[in-house]
Every structure is written in structure tokens, then in C-alpha cells.
C-alpha atoms as a PDB file:
ATOM      1  CA  MET A   1     133.940  76.314  85.125  1.00  0.00           C
ATOM      2  CA  ASN A   2     133.358  78.488  81.637  1.00  0.00           C
ATOM      3  CA  LYS A   3     130.148  76.107  81.547  1.00  0.00           C
ATOM      4  CA  LEU A   4     129.066  76.616  84.331  1.00  0.00           C
ATOM      5  CA  LEU A   5     129.071  80.243  84.096  1.00  0.00           C
ATOM      6  CA  PHE A   6     127.789  79.825  80.808  1.00  0.00           C
ATOM      7  CA  GLY A   7     124.938  78.343  82.574  1.00  0.00           C
ATOM      8  CA  LEU A   8     123.710  79.833  85.003  1.00  0.00           C
ATOM      9  CA  SER A   9     123.974  82.858  83.056  1.00  0.00           C
ATOM     10  CA  ALA A  10     122.093  81.480  80.449  1.00  0.00           C
ATOM     11  CA  MET A  11     119.971  80.824  83.335  1.00  0.00           C
ATOM     12  CA  LEU A  12     119.064  84.427  84.504  1.00  0.00           C
ATOM     13  CA  SER A  13     118.696  86.136  80.745  1.00  0.00           C
ATOM     14  CA  VAL A  14     115.652  83.452  80.498  1.00  0.00           C
ATOM     15  CA  SER A  15     114.688  84.742  84.040  1.00  0.00           C
ATOM     16  CA  LEU A  16     115.154  88.216  83.966  1.00  0.00           C
ATOM     17  CA  LEU A  17     113.929  87.590  80.139  1.00  0.00           C
ATOM     18  CA  GLY A  18     110.327  86.213  81.202  1.00  0.00           C
ATOM     19  CA  CYS A  19     110.410  89.178  84.453  1.00  0.00           C
ATOM     20  CA  GLN A  20     110.180  91.632  82.062  1.00  0.00           C
ATOM     21  CA  SER A  21     107.323  90.236  79.319  1.00  0.00           C
ATOM     22  CA  THR A  22     105.282  90.079  82.908  1.00  0.00           C
ATOM     23  CA  ASP A  23     105.905  94.183  82.918  1.00  0.00           C
ATOM     24  CA  THR A  24     105.513  94.628  79.312  1.00  0.00           C
ATOM     25  CA  ALA A  25     102.529  92.585  78.983  1.00  0.00           C
ATOM     26  CA  THR A  26     100.718  94.647  81.239  1.00  0.00           C
ATOM     27  CA  LEU A  27     100.636  97.835  78.801  1.00  0.00           C
ATOM     28  CA  ASP A  28     100.047  95.594  76.268  1.00  0.00           C
ATOM     29  CA  GLU A  29      97.480  98.814  74.518  1.00  0.00           C
ATOM     30  CA  THR A  30      95.546  95.380  73.466  1.00  0.00           C
ATOM     31  CA  HIS A  31      95.161  94.102  76.847  1.00  0.00           C
ATOM     32  CA  TRP A  32      93.626  97.566  77.881  1.00  0.00           C
ATOM     33  CA  ARG A  33      89.808  99.431  77.380  1.00  0.00           C
ATOM     34  CA  TYR A  34      87.514 101.642  79.311  1.00  0.00           C
ATOM     35  CA  ALA A  35      83.811 101.969  79.215  1.00  0.00           C
ATOM     36  CA  THR A  36      80.854 104.627  80.641  1.00  0.00           C
ATOM     37  CA  ASP A  37      77.601 104.697  80.988  1.00  0.00           C
ATOM     38  CA  PRO A  38      74.953 105.690  77.717  1.00  0.00           C
ATOM     39  CA  HIS A  39      73.597 108.475  79.659  1.00  0.00           C
ATOM     40  CA  GLY A  40      76.370 111.123  79.121  1.00  0.00           C
ATOM     41  CA  SER A  41      79.287 110.116  81.149  1.00  0.00           C
ATOM     42  CA  GLN A  42      83.043 110.184  78.850  1.00  0.00           C
ATOM     43  CA  ALA A  43      86.526 109.524  78.912  1.00  0.00           C
ATOM     44  CA  ILE A  44      88.611 111.734  78.421  1.00  0.00           C
ATOM     45  CA  LEU A  45      92.082 110.641  76.906  1.00  0.00           C
ATOM     46  CA  ASN A  46      95.586 112.700  76.325  1.00  0.00           C
ATOM     47  CA  GLY A  47      96.385 111.109  73.191  1.00  0.00           C
ATOM     48  CA  SER A  48      96.146 106.931  73.576  1.00  0.00           C
ATOM     49  CA  LEU A  49      95.030 104.951  76.929  1.00  0.00           C
ATOM     50  CA  VAL A  50      98.319 102.629  76.017  1.00  0.00           C
ATOM     51  CA  THR A  51     101.977 104.673  76.304  1.00  0.00           C
ATOM     52  CA  THR A  52     105.599 102.961  76.344  1.00  0.00           C
ATOM     53  CA  GLU A  53     105.710 103.899  80.148  1.00  0.00           C
ATOM     54  CA  GLN A  54     101.643 103.620  81.327  1.00  0.00           C
ATOM     55  CA  VAL A  55      97.862 103.752  80.769  1.00  0.00           C
ATOM     56  CA  GLU A  56      95.952 107.382  81.670  1.00  0.00           C
ATOM     57  CA  ILE A  57      92.647 108.390  81.321  1.00  0.00           C
ATOM     58  CA  ALA A  58      90.024 111.124  82.852  1.00  0.00           C
ATOM     59  CA  PHE A  59      86.494 110.557  83.494  1.00  0.00           C
ATOM     60  CA  LYS A  60      83.244 112.710  83.904  1.00  0.00           C
ATOM     61  CA  ARG A  61      80.954 110.407  85.641  1.00  0.00           C
ATOM     62  CA  VAL A  62      77.543 111.716  85.641  1.00  0.00           C
ATOM     63  CA  PRO A  63      75.149 111.211  88.449  1.00  0.00           C
ATOM     64  CA  ARG A  64      72.491 108.683  88.716  1.00  0.00           C
ATOM     65  CA  VAL A  65      69.508 108.946  85.975  1.00  0.00           C
ATOM     66  CA  ASP A  66      66.878 107.198  88.084  1.00  0.00           C
ATOM     67  CA  LYS A  67      66.459 104.251  90.011  1.00  0.00           C
ATOM     68  CA  LEU A  68      67.059 102.302  87.195  1.00  0.00           C
ATOM     69  CA  ASN A  69      69.485 103.779  85.320  1.00  0.00           C
ATOM     70  CA  ASN A  70      72.376 104.602  87.289  1.00  0.00           C
ATOM     71  CA  SER A  71      76.104 105.913  85.638  1.00  0.00           C
ATOM     72  CA  TRP A  72      79.434 104.150  85.264  1.00  0.00           C
ATOM     73  CA  VAL A  73      82.778 104.656  84.068  1.00  0.00           C
ATOM     74  CA  GLU A  74      85.896 101.907  83.930  1.00  0.00           C
ATOM     75  CA  LEU A  75      89.209 101.568  83.052  1.00  0.00           C
ATOM     76  CA  ILE A  76      89.305  97.828  81.960  1.00  0.00           C
ATOM     77  CA  TYR A  77      92.396  94.978  82.325  1.00  0.00           C
ATOM     78  CA  ASP A  78      91.431  92.133  79.698  1.00  0.00           C
ATOM     79  CA  LEU A  79      93.859  89.214  81.731  1.00  0.00           C
ATOM     80  CA  PRO A  80      95.526  87.968  79.170  1.00  0.00           C
ATOM     81  CA  ASN A  81      94.919  84.603  80.396  1.00  0.00           C
ATOM     82  CA  LYS A  82      91.150  84.961  81.103  1.00  0.00           C
ATOM     83  CA  GLN A  83      92.001  84.094  84.119  1.00  0.00           C
ATOM     84  CA  LEU A  84      93.288  84.864  87.654  1.00  0.00           C
ATOM     85  CA  PRO A  85      96.048  81.972  88.482  1.00  0.00           C
ATOM     86  CA  GLU A  86      94.576  80.537  92.757  1.00  0.00           C
ATOM     87  CA  GLN A  87      95.318  82.704  95.319  1.00  0.00           C
ATOM     88  CA  ALA A  88      95.999  85.498  93.751  1.00  0.00           C
ATOM     89  CA  SER A  89      97.905  88.577  94.667  1.00  0.00           C
ATOM     90  CA  ILE A  90      97.650  91.812  92.255  1.00  0.00           C
ATOM     91  CA  THR A  91     100.921  94.454  92.624  1.00  0.00           C
ATOM     92  CA  LEU A  92      99.522  98.096  91.098  1.00  0.00           C
ATOM     93  CA  THR A  93     101.875 100.517  90.355  1.00  0.00           C
ATOM     94  CA  TYR A  94      99.239 103.965  90.289  1.00  0.00           C
ATOM     95  CA  GLN A  95      98.233 107.443  90.687  1.00  0.00           C
ATOM     96  CA  SER A  96      94.578 108.397  90.820  1.00  0.00           C
ATOM     97  CA  ASP A  97      93.265 111.295  92.702  1.00  0.00           C
ATOM     98  CA  LYS A  98      90.322 110.032  94.146  1.00  0.00           C
ATOM     99  CA  ASP A  99      90.025 106.211  96.068  1.00  0.00           C
ATOM    100  CA  MET A 100      90.386 103.759  93.276  1.00  0.00           C
ATOM    101  CA  ILE A 101      88.254 100.823  93.260  1.00  0.00           C
ATOM    102  CA  ILE A 102      89.858  97.310  92.212  1.00  0.00           C
ATOM    103  CA  LYS A 103      86.613  94.934  90.887  1.00  0.00           C
ATOM    104  CA  LEU A 104      86.739  91.278  89.531  1.00  0.00           C
ATOM    105  CA  SER A 105      85.370  90.584  86.429  1.00  0.00           C
ATOM    106  CA  GLN A 106      83.133  87.744  87.188  1.00  0.00           C
ATOM    107  CA  LYS A 107      81.455  86.144  84.972  1.00  0.00           C
ATOM    108  CA  ASP A 108      79.411  84.618  87.134  1.00  0.00           C
ATOM    109  CA  TYR A 109      78.012  88.129  88.031  1.00  0.00           C
ATOM    110  CA  GLY A 110      77.783  89.992  85.011  1.00  0.00           C
ATOM    111  CA  GLY A 111      76.383  89.794  81.900  1.00  0.00           C
ATOM    112  CA  ASP A 112      76.828  85.705  81.746  1.00  0.00           C
ATOM    113  CA  GLY A 113      75.392  84.940  85.182  1.00  0.00           C
ATOM    114  CA  ASP A 114      72.520  86.940  87.366  1.00  0.00           C
ATOM    115  CA  LYS A 115      73.201  90.176  85.640  1.00  0.00           C
ATOM    116  CA  THR A 116      73.898  92.114  89.065  1.00  0.00           C
ATOM    117  CA  TYR A 117      77.081  93.329  88.655  1.00  0.00           C
ATOM    118  CA  ALA A 118      77.452  92.796  92.097  1.00  0.00           C
ATOM    119  CA  HIS A 119      81.363  91.938  91.737  1.00  0.00           C
ATOM    120  CA  TYR A 120      84.137  91.118  94.453  1.00  0.00           C
ATOM    121  CA  GLN A 121      86.149  94.784  94.906  1.00  0.00           C
ATOM    122  CA  THR A 122      88.233  96.278  97.265  1.00  0.00           C
ATOM    123  CA  ALA A 123      89.604 100.386  97.230  1.00  0.00           C
ATOM    124  CA  LEU A 124      92.565 101.396  97.245  1.00  0.00           C
ATOM    125  CA  PRO A 125      93.488 104.807  98.154  1.00  0.00           C
ATOM    126  CA  ALA A 126      93.875 108.037  96.652  1.00  0.00           C
ATOM    127  CA  ALA A 127      97.229 108.795  95.502  1.00  0.00           C
ATOM    128  CA  ASN A 128      98.907 112.387  93.076  1.00  0.00           C
ATOM    129  CA  VAL A 129     102.966 109.805  93.348  1.00  0.00           C
ATOM    130  CA  TRP A 130     103.004 107.003  91.469  1.00  0.00           C
ATOM    131  CA  THR A 131     102.158 104.454  94.574  1.00  0.00           C
ATOM    132  CA  THR A 132     102.766 100.209  94.985  1.00  0.00           C
ATOM    133  CA  GLN A 133     100.019  98.645  96.283  1.00  0.00           C
ATOM    134  CA  THR A 134      99.515  94.942  96.796  1.00  0.00           C
ATOM    135  CA  VAL A 135      96.311  92.748  97.616  1.00  0.00           C
ATOM    136  CA  THR A 136      95.368  89.396  97.549  1.00  0.00           C
ATOM    137  CA  LEU A 137      92.055  87.685  96.914  1.00  0.00           C
ATOM    138  CA  ASN A 138      91.374  87.771 100.873  1.00  0.00           C
ATOM    139  CA  ASP A 139      91.074  91.983 100.465  1.00  0.00           C
ATOM    140  CA  PHE A 140      87.838  91.572  98.261  1.00  0.00           C
ATOM    141  CA  GLN A 141      84.164  91.527  99.050  1.00  0.00           C
ATOM    142  CA  ARG A 142      81.201  91.988  97.363  1.00  0.00           C
ATOM    143  CA  PRO A 143      79.727  95.678  97.396  1.00  0.00           C
ATOM    144  CA  SER A 144      77.009  96.226 100.721  1.00  0.00           C
ATOM    145  CA  TRP A 145      74.075  97.173  97.952  1.00  0.00           C
ATOM    146  CA  THR A 146      74.617  93.637  96.668  1.00  0.00           C
ATOM    147  CA  PRO A 147      70.782  91.612  95.711  1.00  0.00           C
ATOM    148  CA  ALA A 148      69.290  89.696  97.563  1.00  0.00           C
ATOM    149  CA  SER A 149      69.037  87.254  94.536  1.00  0.00           C
ATOM    150  CA  SER A 150      72.192  87.111  93.484  1.00  0.00           C
ATOM    151  CA  THR A 151      74.031  83.862  95.135  1.00  0.00           C
ATOM    152  CA  ASP A 152      77.525  84.203  96.516  1.00  0.00           C
ATOM    153  CA  LYS A 153      79.486  81.389  94.453  1.00  0.00           C
ATOM    154  CA  GLY A 154      82.873  83.617  96.297  1.00  0.00           C
ATOM    155  CA  ILE A 155      85.850  83.914  93.938  1.00  0.00           C
ATOM    156  CA  ILE A 156      85.636  81.593  91.077  1.00  0.00           C
ATOM    157  CA  THR A 157      89.258  82.844  89.870  1.00  0.00           C
ATOM    158  CA  GLU A 158      88.969  80.998  86.534  1.00  0.00           C
ATOM    159  CA  HIS A 159      85.525  82.760  85.580  1.00  0.00           C
ATOM    160  CA  VAL A 160      87.631  86.226  86.308  1.00  0.00           C
ATOM    161  CA  SER A 161      88.530  87.466  83.296  1.00  0.00           C
ATOM    162  CA  ALA A 162      89.403  91.257  83.886  1.00  0.00           C
ATOM    163  CA  LEU A 163      90.016  94.089  86.293  1.00  0.00           C
ATOM    164  CA  TYR A 164      88.062  97.495  86.835  1.00  0.00           C
ATOM    165  CA  PHE A 165      89.953 100.140  87.930  1.00  0.00           C
ATOM    166  CA  VAL A 166      86.748 102.540  89.542  1.00  0.00           C
ATOM    167  CA  PRO A 167      87.235 105.878  90.261  1.00  0.00           C
ATOM    168  CA  LYS A 168      85.571 106.131  93.441  1.00  0.00           C
ATOM    169  CA  LEU A 169      82.722 108.332  92.979  1.00  0.00           C
ATOM    170  CA  THR A 170      79.012 108.520  94.223  1.00  0.00           C
ATOM    171  CA  ASP A 171      76.142 107.664  92.193  1.00  0.00           C
ATOM    172  CA  ALA A 172      74.602 110.740  93.857  1.00  0.00           C
ATOM    173  CA  GLN A 173      76.776 113.142  92.229  1.00  0.00           C
ATOM    174  CA  GLY A 174      78.789 111.773  89.425  1.00  0.00           C
ATOM    175  CA  GLY A 175      82.527 113.414  89.112  1.00  0.00           C
ATOM    176  CA  GLU A 176      85.778 113.956  87.545  1.00  0.00           C
ATOM    177  CA  ALA A 177      88.507 111.862  87.969  1.00  0.00           C
ATOM    178  CA  PHE A 178      92.139 110.530  86.649  1.00  0.00           C
ATOM    179  CA  ILE A 179      93.388 107.001  86.663  1.00  0.00           C
ATOM    180  CA  LYS A 180      97.680 106.483  85.524  1.00  0.00           C
ATOM    181  CA  ILE A 181      98.112 103.123  85.751  1.00  0.00           C
ATOM    182  CA  LYS A 182     102.441 102.467  85.364  1.00  0.00           C
ATOM    183  CA  ASN A 183     101.832  98.494  85.837  1.00  0.00           C
ATOM    184  CA  VAL A 184     100.240  95.415  87.257  1.00  0.00           C
ATOM    185  CA  ASN A 185     101.775  92.183  88.294  1.00  0.00           C
ATOM    186  CA  ILE A 186      99.611  89.501  89.035  1.00  0.00           C
ATOM    187  CA  LYS A 187     101.169  86.242  90.688  1.00  0.00           C
END
């Protein structure tokens, strides 16, 4: 009986350790970064981008410069395995004062692909208190502005290397926004 209890206890400890490492991995500073355009948009940090409790950033996005030069701001989570699992679901605990777009950074549509950056995306509502939402790959679609020249290859999970979190600010007006993320769980 003691051996059975010891075995169950050891299995439970290993299971819990696995869950703990998943949560810790989402706040591993080596997986988080941000990017802004070269036209004057800014990322504003209050200390480190990643702390033990959360990822936190604010952005000031300038309006679109002209037809050929758009502005942009992005909080980026580089996937530890550099790919999504098939049929992935993404559970996110976040705060954002604007609706927030999640983009799947898939090489077929980025700099190594057709260079349209018309990545599959979905939107989450603004949340000024900690909110947890789950999305599946079925919730993602390409943006309405996707050029006709961009061949839709669908979501190829092994080609998705990062998640981009983008405050929903307009091209015409730009604006200010903050994003905080406490947890990203991908299954």
C-alpha cells in the first residue's frame, strides 16, 4: 500500500511540476520581445518587459505615414518549440485597454514568404481587469485587406513561430494602448 501511495505521489508531483514549468515558460523573458515601425511609434516600458508576475508594455502608434509606409506596434511571444501544436487552443490571461488582436506569425505570409504580413488573426475584447479567454485555430482568419496576390495556404502549425499581440489602433489615427499578459497556455 505504501509503495502504491508513493508511486501515486511521485506521479502527481511530476504532473504538477509539468504544469508549473508550462506557466513559468510563458513568462520566460527570452521568449518575449516587442517591435515598432521606423516612423516614430514607441514602446514604453515601466521597468522590465517581463517580471515574475506579468509581461507589461504600453505603445504610442503614429498614424499611417502614406500609402507605402504603415505604422505598427507589436508585443511578440516567440513559441518555445517554434511551432504550434496541431488543433491548438490558446488560453490567455490578459489586460488591455483596447481590443487586442492575436496574430499567428506564419512564415508563409511574412518576410520569408509572400511579404504581405497578412497573418491569420483573431481579436479579443478590451479588458481593464485580468480576463482569461480561450481561442482555437478555427477563430483565426486572414484580414480583410489581404492582397489578392497572397495565396492562402491555411494555417500551417509547424510554420507558426510566434504569437503577436497588437492593440487595435487605426491606421488613420494611431493612438495609445497598454497590454499586460499574465499567462499564455497553448495546448
